Structure formats: C-alpha cells, structure tokens
C-alpha cells in the first residue's frame, strides 16, 4: 500500500488528486465544480456587507440582483479557471509520461547508443 501525502483542507477541497495521473472527465468535472462553487460562495459572502449597505438605501430586488450577479460571475470565472487547472494538469502528466517513455525505450535511451 502506497502512502498518500496528507494535504491541507483547502488542497483537498480544490484539487484532491496527486497530480501524477490523468484526470478522468468525471474527476475533471468534480474539480471544476468545486472551484466554481467554493470561490463563488466565498466571493458572495465577502461582499455580503456591501449588500447590507445597499439594502439600506435601495430596493431589495436590486440587492438580490447584486448578490446573484456576484455569485454567477464567480461561478463562471472560477469554473473557467478550474477547467484550466484540469487541462494543465492533464497536459503536464502527458508530457511527463512521454518523457519517461522516451527514457525507457529500447532504442538506446537518451543518447541513441
């Protein structure tokens, strides 16, 4: 049994994989969804005091619209960033695998001997 490194809570939420294997489409969607939802919720909660100030001087539907806009913008922006993380992880793994395959090939190795 191989020892798995113990990652921090934030790492386990945002990218619970070692980064040494290709992510399946299901794992990729999980990473994208976790990035989109985690950061959108944090963004919405951090702007909550602003909503309270706006609610005191504006109609409540405007406040709800701002809150919804911040949440949806966070979902879109951080969903795209999550997709970029998955794509770069898979690309890096493929490059490493190609490099390792080239080093262990039977054609004489790296120097062609």
C-alpha atoms as a PDB file:
ATOM      1  CA  UNK A   1       0.000   0.000   0.000  1.00  0.00           C
ATOM      2  CA  UNK A   2       1.398   3.364  -1.049  1.00  0.00           C
ATOM      3  CA  UNK A   3       1.386   6.235   1.438  1.00  0.00           C
ATOM      4  CA  UNK A   4      -0.734   9.117   0.250  1.00  0.00           C
ATOM      5  CA  UNK A   5       0.544  12.540   1.293  1.00  0.00           C
ATOM      6  CA  UNK A   6      -1.682  14.394   3.728  1.00  0.00           C
ATOM      7  CA  UNK A   7      -2.784  17.617   2.055  1.00  0.00           C
ATOM      8  CA  UNK A   8      -4.260  20.678   3.718  1.00  0.00           C
ATOM      9  CA  UNK A   9      -8.029  21.028   3.884  1.00  0.00           C
ATOM     10  CA  UNK A  10      -8.071  23.682   1.161  1.00  0.00           C
ATOM     11  CA  UNK A  11      -5.991  21.485  -1.160  1.00  0.00           C
ATOM     12  CA  UNK A  12      -8.281  18.506  -0.516  1.00  0.00           C
ATOM     13  CA  UNK A  13     -11.317  20.632  -1.416  1.00  0.00           C
ATOM     14  CA  UNK A  14      -9.906  22.290  -4.544  1.00  0.00           C
ATOM     15  CA  UNK A  15      -7.652  19.558  -6.009  1.00  0.00           C
ATOM     16  CA  UNK A  16      -7.836  16.237  -4.146  1.00  0.00           C
ATOM     17  CA  UNK A  17      -5.546  14.401  -6.600  1.00  0.00           C
ATOM     18  CA  UNK A  18      -1.790  13.865  -6.578  1.00  0.00           C
ATOM     19  CA  UNK A  19      -1.208  15.478  -9.969  1.00  0.00           C
ATOM     20  CA  UNK A  20       0.711  12.435 -11.212  1.00  0.00           C
ATOM     21  CA  UNK A  21      -2.158  10.802 -13.103  1.00  0.00           C
ATOM     22  CA  UNK A  22      -4.500  11.920 -15.842  1.00  0.00           C
ATOM     23  CA  UNK A  23      -7.836  13.059 -14.519  1.00  0.00           C
ATOM     24  CA  UNK A  24     -10.893  11.314 -15.903  1.00  0.00           C
ATOM     25  CA  UNK A  25     -13.699  13.508 -17.245  1.00  0.00           C
ATOM     26  CA  UNK A  26     -15.666  12.839 -14.034  1.00  0.00           C
ATOM     27  CA  UNK A  27     -12.718  13.877 -11.856  1.00  0.00           C
ATOM     28  CA  UNK A  28     -12.213  16.962 -14.020  1.00  0.00           C
ATOM     29  CA  UNK A  29     -15.846  17.970 -13.608  1.00  0.00           C
ATOM     30  CA  UNK A  30     -15.517  17.499  -9.860  1.00  0.00           C
ATOM     31  CA  UNK A  31     -12.512  19.839  -9.749  1.00  0.00           C
ATOM     32  CA  UNK A  32     -14.257  22.415 -11.966  1.00  0.00           C
ATOM     33  CA  UNK A  33     -17.429  22.300  -9.846  1.00  0.00           C
ATOM     34  CA  UNK A  34     -15.500  22.556  -6.588  1.00  0.00           C
ATOM     35  CA  UNK A  35     -13.552  25.582  -7.849  1.00  0.00           C
ATOM     36  CA  UNK A  36     -16.679  27.265  -9.217  1.00  0.00           C
ATOM     37  CA  UNK A  37     -18.812  26.737  -6.120  1.00  0.00           C
ATOM     38  CA  UNK A  38     -16.147  27.259  -3.457  1.00  0.00           C
ATOM     39  CA  UNK A  39     -14.893  30.581  -4.788  1.00  0.00           C
ATOM     40  CA  UNK A  40     -18.360  31.813  -5.799  1.00  0.00           C
ATOM     41  CA  UNK A  41     -19.654  31.223  -2.271  1.00  0.00           C
ATOM     42  CA  UNK A  42     -16.588  32.916  -0.745  1.00  0.00           C
ATOM     43  CA  UNK A  43     -16.939  35.859  -3.146  1.00  0.00           C
ATOM     44  CA  UNK A  44     -20.635  36.214  -2.322  1.00  0.00           C
ATOM     45  CA  UNK A  45     -20.068  36.006   1.421  1.00  0.00           C
ATOM     46  CA  UNK A  46     -17.235  38.534   1.332  1.00  0.00           C
ATOM     47  CA  UNK A  47     -19.432  41.032  -0.491  1.00  0.00           C
ATOM     48  CA  UNK A  48     -22.342  40.475   1.905  1.00  0.00           C
ATOM     49  CA  UNK A  49     -21.578  43.641   3.984  1.00  0.00           C
ATOM     50  CA  UNK A  50     -21.849  45.646   0.770  1.00  0.00           C
ATOM     51  CA  UNK A  51     -25.264  44.125   0.143  1.00  0.00           C
ATOM     52  CA  UNK A  52     -26.380  45.193   3.603  1.00  0.00           C
ATOM     53  CA  UNK A  53     -25.319  48.776   2.892  1.00  0.00           C
ATOM     54  CA  UNK A  54     -27.074  48.785  -0.477  1.00  0.00           C
ATOM     55  CA  UNK A  55     -30.213  47.241   1.037  1.00  0.00           C
ATOM     56  CA  UNK A  56     -30.493  50.146   3.469  1.00  0.00           C
ATOM     57  CA  UNK A  57     -30.655  52.659   0.602  1.00  0.00           C
ATOM     58  CA  UNK A  58     -32.143  50.726  -2.317  1.00  0.00           C
ATOM     59  CA  UNK A  59     -34.900  48.335  -3.148  1.00  0.00           C
ATOM     60  CA  UNK A  60     -34.476  44.756  -2.026  1.00  0.00           C
ATOM     61  CA  UNK A  61     -34.691  43.352  -5.553  1.00  0.00           C
ATOM     62  CA  UNK A  62     -31.573  45.346  -6.514  1.00  0.00           C
ATOM     63  CA  UNK A  63     -29.728  43.867  -3.553  1.00  0.00           C
ATOM     64  CA  UNK A  64     -30.761  40.358  -4.548  1.00  0.00           C
ATOM     65  CA  UNK A  65     -29.715  41.091  -8.136  1.00  0.00           C
ATOM     66  CA  UNK A  66     -26.233  42.221  -6.998  1.00  0.00           C
ATOM     67  CA  UNK A  67     -25.858  39.127  -4.830  1.00  0.00           C
ATOM     68  CA  UNK A  68     -26.924  36.852  -7.684  1.00  0.00           C
ATOM     69  CA  UNK A  69     -24.644  38.656 -10.131  1.00  0.00           C
ATOM     70  CA  UNK A  70     -21.633  38.243  -7.830  1.00  0.00           C
ATOM     71  CA  UNK A  71     -22.390  34.555  -7.335  1.00  0.00           C
ATOM     72  CA  UNK A  72     -22.902  33.805 -11.035  1.00  0.00           C
ATOM     73  CA  UNK A  73     -19.832  35.810 -12.048  1.00  0.00           C
ATOM     74  CA  UNK A  74     -17.808  33.810  -9.528  1.00  0.00           C
ATOM     75  CA  UNK A  75     -19.185  30.529 -10.875  1.00  0.00           C
ATOM     76  CA  UNK A  76     -18.271  31.441 -14.453  1.00  0.00           C
ATOM     77  CA  UNK A  77     -14.834  32.925 -13.746  1.00  0.00           C
ATOM     78  CA  UNK A  78     -13.661  30.255 -11.319  1.00  0.00           C
ATOM     79  CA  UNK A  79     -15.271  27.472 -13.346  1.00  0.00           C
ATOM     80  CA  UNK A  80     -13.105  28.518 -16.291  1.00  0.00           C
ATOM     81  CA  UNK A  81     -10.064  28.668 -14.008  1.00  0.00           C
ATOM     82  CA  UNK A  82     -10.889  25.191 -12.693  1.00  0.00           C
ATOM     83  CA  UNK A  83     -11.099  23.932 -16.265  1.00  0.00           C
ATOM     84  CA  UNK A  84      -7.677  25.494 -16.913  1.00  0.00           C
ATOM     85  CA  UNK A  85      -6.242  23.697 -13.863  1.00  0.00           C
ATOM     86  CA  UNK A  86      -7.593  20.354 -15.103  1.00  0.00           C
ATOM     87  CA  UNK A  87      -6.309  20.950 -18.639  1.00  0.00           C
ATOM     88  CA  UNK A  88      -2.833  21.967 -17.446  1.00  0.00           C
ATOM     89  CA  UNK A  89      -2.646  19.011 -15.049  1.00  0.00           C
ATOM     90  CA  UNK A  90      -3.518  16.555 -17.811  1.00  0.00           C
ATOM     91  CA  UNK A  91      -1.082  18.216 -20.214  1.00  0.00           C
ATOM     92  CA  UNK A  92       1.749  18.080 -17.681  1.00  0.00           C
ATOM     93  CA  UNK A  93       1.051  14.410 -16.942  1.00  0.00           C
ATOM     94  CA  UNK A  94       1.119  13.559 -20.667  1.00  0.00           C
ATOM     95  CA  UNK A  95       4.433  15.392 -21.125  1.00  0.00           C
ATOM     96  CA  UNK A  96       5.964  13.586 -18.151  1.00  0.00           C
ATOM     97  CA  UNK A  97       4.700  10.222 -19.403  1.00  0.00           C
ATOM     98  CA  UNK A  98       6.133  10.853 -22.882  1.00  0.00           C
ATOM     99  CA  UNK A  99       9.450  11.893 -21.366  1.00  0.00           C
ATOM    100  CA  UNK A 100       9.592   8.776 -19.186  1.00  0.00           C
ATOM    101  CA  UNK A 101       8.655   6.560 -22.134  1.00  0.00           C
ATOM    102  CA  UNK A 102      11.437   8.087 -24.224  1.00  0.00           C
ATOM    103  CA  UNK A 103      13.986   7.450 -21.463  1.00  0.00           C
ATOM    104  CA  UNK A 104      12.995   3.814 -21.028  1.00  0.00           C
ATOM    105  CA  UNK A 105      12.580   2.928 -24.702  1.00  0.00           C
ATOM    106  CA  UNK A 106      14.621   0.097 -26.203  1.00  0.00           C
ATOM    107  CA  UNK A 107      16.292   2.240 -28.876  1.00  0.00           C
ATOM    108  CA  UNK A 108      19.342   3.001 -26.791  1.00  0.00           C
ATOM    109  CA  UNK A 109      17.914   5.546 -24.418  1.00  0.00           C
ATOM    110  CA  UNK A 110      18.517   9.239 -24.413  1.00  0.00           C
ATOM    111  CA  UNK A 111      21.747   9.346 -26.405  1.00  0.00           C
ATOM    112  CA  UNK A 112      20.855   6.850 -29.123  1.00  0.00           C
ATOM    113  CA  UNK A 113      23.646   4.370 -28.419  1.00  0.00           C
END
